[in-house]
Protein backbone atom coordinates (compact mmCIF):
# COMPACT_ATOMS: atom_id res chain seq x y z
CA MET A 1 -2.56 -23.71 -13.07
CA ILE A 2 -3.07 -20.08 -12.08
CA SER A 3 0.19 -18.32 -11.26
CA LEU A 4 0.70 -14.82 -9.94
CA ILE A 5 3.88 -13.18 -11.23
CA THR A 6 5.20 -9.99 -9.67
CA TYR A 7 8.32 -8.12 -10.61
CA ASP A 8 10.44 -5.12 -9.72
CA ILE A 9 12.80 -4.31 -12.59
CA THR A 10 15.36 -1.53 -12.14
CA ASP A 11 16.06 -0.76 -15.81
CA SER A 12 13.31 0.67 -18.06
CA LYS A 13 14.37 -1.40 -21.11
CA ARG A 14 14.31 -4.66 -19.16
CA LEU A 15 11.03 -3.62 -17.53
CA LYS A 16 9.43 -3.09 -20.95
CA ARG A 17 10.80 -6.41 -22.22
CA MET A 18 9.45 -8.26 -19.17
CA HIS A 19 6.02 -6.64 -19.49
CA THR A 20 5.81 -7.42 -23.23
CA PHE A 21 6.96 -11.00 -22.66
CA LEU A 22 4.43 -11.69 -19.90
CA LYS A 23 1.54 -10.36 -22.00
CA GLU A 24 1.91 -13.58 -24.02
CA TYR A 25 1.20 -15.63 -20.89
CA GLY A 26 -1.46 -13.80 -18.91
CA PHE A 27 -3.32 -10.69 -17.85
CA ASN A 28 -1.68 -7.57 -16.45
CA THR A 29 -4.00 -7.05 -13.47
CA GLN A 30 -1.93 -4.36 -11.71
CA LYS A 31 1.34 -2.54 -12.31
CA SER A 32 4.10 -5.16 -12.37
CA VAL A 33 1.63 -7.96 -11.62
CA PHE A 34 0.42 -10.63 -14.02
CA GLU A 35 -2.07 -13.43 -13.42
CA CYS A 36 -1.48 -16.35 -15.75
CA ASP A 37 -3.20 -19.65 -16.46
CA ILE A 38 -0.12 -21.62 -17.54
CA ASP A 39 1.34 -25.08 -17.38
CA ALA A 40 4.80 -26.27 -16.34
CA ILE A 41 6.20 -25.56 -19.81
CA GLY A 42 5.03 -21.92 -19.61
CA LEU A 43 6.54 -21.53 -16.14
CA LYS A 44 9.81 -22.96 -17.40
CA ALA A 45 9.83 -20.47 -20.30
CA ILE A 46 9.24 -17.56 -17.89
CA ARG A 47 12.03 -18.71 -15.59
CA GLU A 48 14.40 -19.07 -18.55
CA PHE A 49 13.48 -15.58 -19.81
CA CYS A 50 14.27 -14.17 -16.36
CA ARG A 51 17.63 -15.95 -16.20
CA THR A 52 18.73 -14.78 -19.64
CA THR A 53 17.24 -11.28 -19.76
CA LEU A 54 17.20 -9.78 -16.29
CA ASP A 55 19.96 -8.60 -13.98
CA LEU A 56 19.29 -10.95 -11.09
CA GLN A 57 21.55 -8.88 -8.82
CA LYS A 58 19.22 -5.88 -9.19
CA ASP A 59 15.86 -7.13 -10.48
CA LYS A 60 13.28 -9.18 -8.61
CA VAL A 61 10.66 -11.62 -9.90
CA ARG A 62 8.33 -13.73 -7.77
CA ILE A 63 6.10 -16.52 -9.04
CA TYR A 64 3.29 -17.74 -6.81
CA LYS A 65 1.39 -20.86 -7.84
CA ILE A 66 -2.25 -20.66 -6.78
CA CYS A 67 -4.08 -23.97 -6.35
CA SER A 68 -7.60 -24.47 -7.67
CA ARG A 69 -9.03 -24.43 -4.12
CA CYS A 70 -7.23 -21.19 -3.27
CA ILE A 71 -8.26 -19.33 -6.44
CA ASN A 72 -11.85 -19.38 -5.17
CA LYS A 73 -10.69 -17.49 -2.06
CA VAL A 74 -9.24 -14.57 -4.05
CA ASN A 75 -10.99 -11.32 -3.15
CA VAL A 76 -10.94 -8.38 -5.58
CA SER A 77 -11.83 -4.95 -4.21
CA GLY A 78 -12.51 -2.06 -6.55
CA LYS A 79 -12.04 -2.38 -10.27
CA GLY A 80 -10.46 -5.64 -11.14
CA LEU A 81 -10.60 -8.86 -13.01
CA LYS A 82 -10.59 -12.15 -11.15
CA ILE A 83 -8.77 -14.84 -13.09
CA THR A 84 -10.18 -18.34 -12.86
CA GLN A 85 -9.01 -21.57 -14.42
CA LEU A 86 -9.64 -21.21 -18.14
CA ASP A 87 -11.30 -23.95 -20.14
CA TYR A 88 -9.96 -24.29 -23.64
CA ALA A 89 -9.25 -26.82 -26.33
CA VAL A 90 -6.31 -27.00 -28.71
CA ILE A 91 -7.46 -27.51 -32.29
């Protein structure tokens, strides 16, 4: 499932940790925005990272799940990469 993850982190160390962590799950398409093709296990790992690493009184993270019908309605203006459902096999 394609998920859009946005964040606003107040501390530069936590911001760097969040950015580095999310690079394992998706593409950094804009500042503080990642588009990820992940399953429920990946989403759970991201939520757990947020709970244990961030200051939830000061930092903000939003996760938007984008259905397969809706991903075809995404419009990219200017330079940009449009993420689609990835086909892959585990070997």
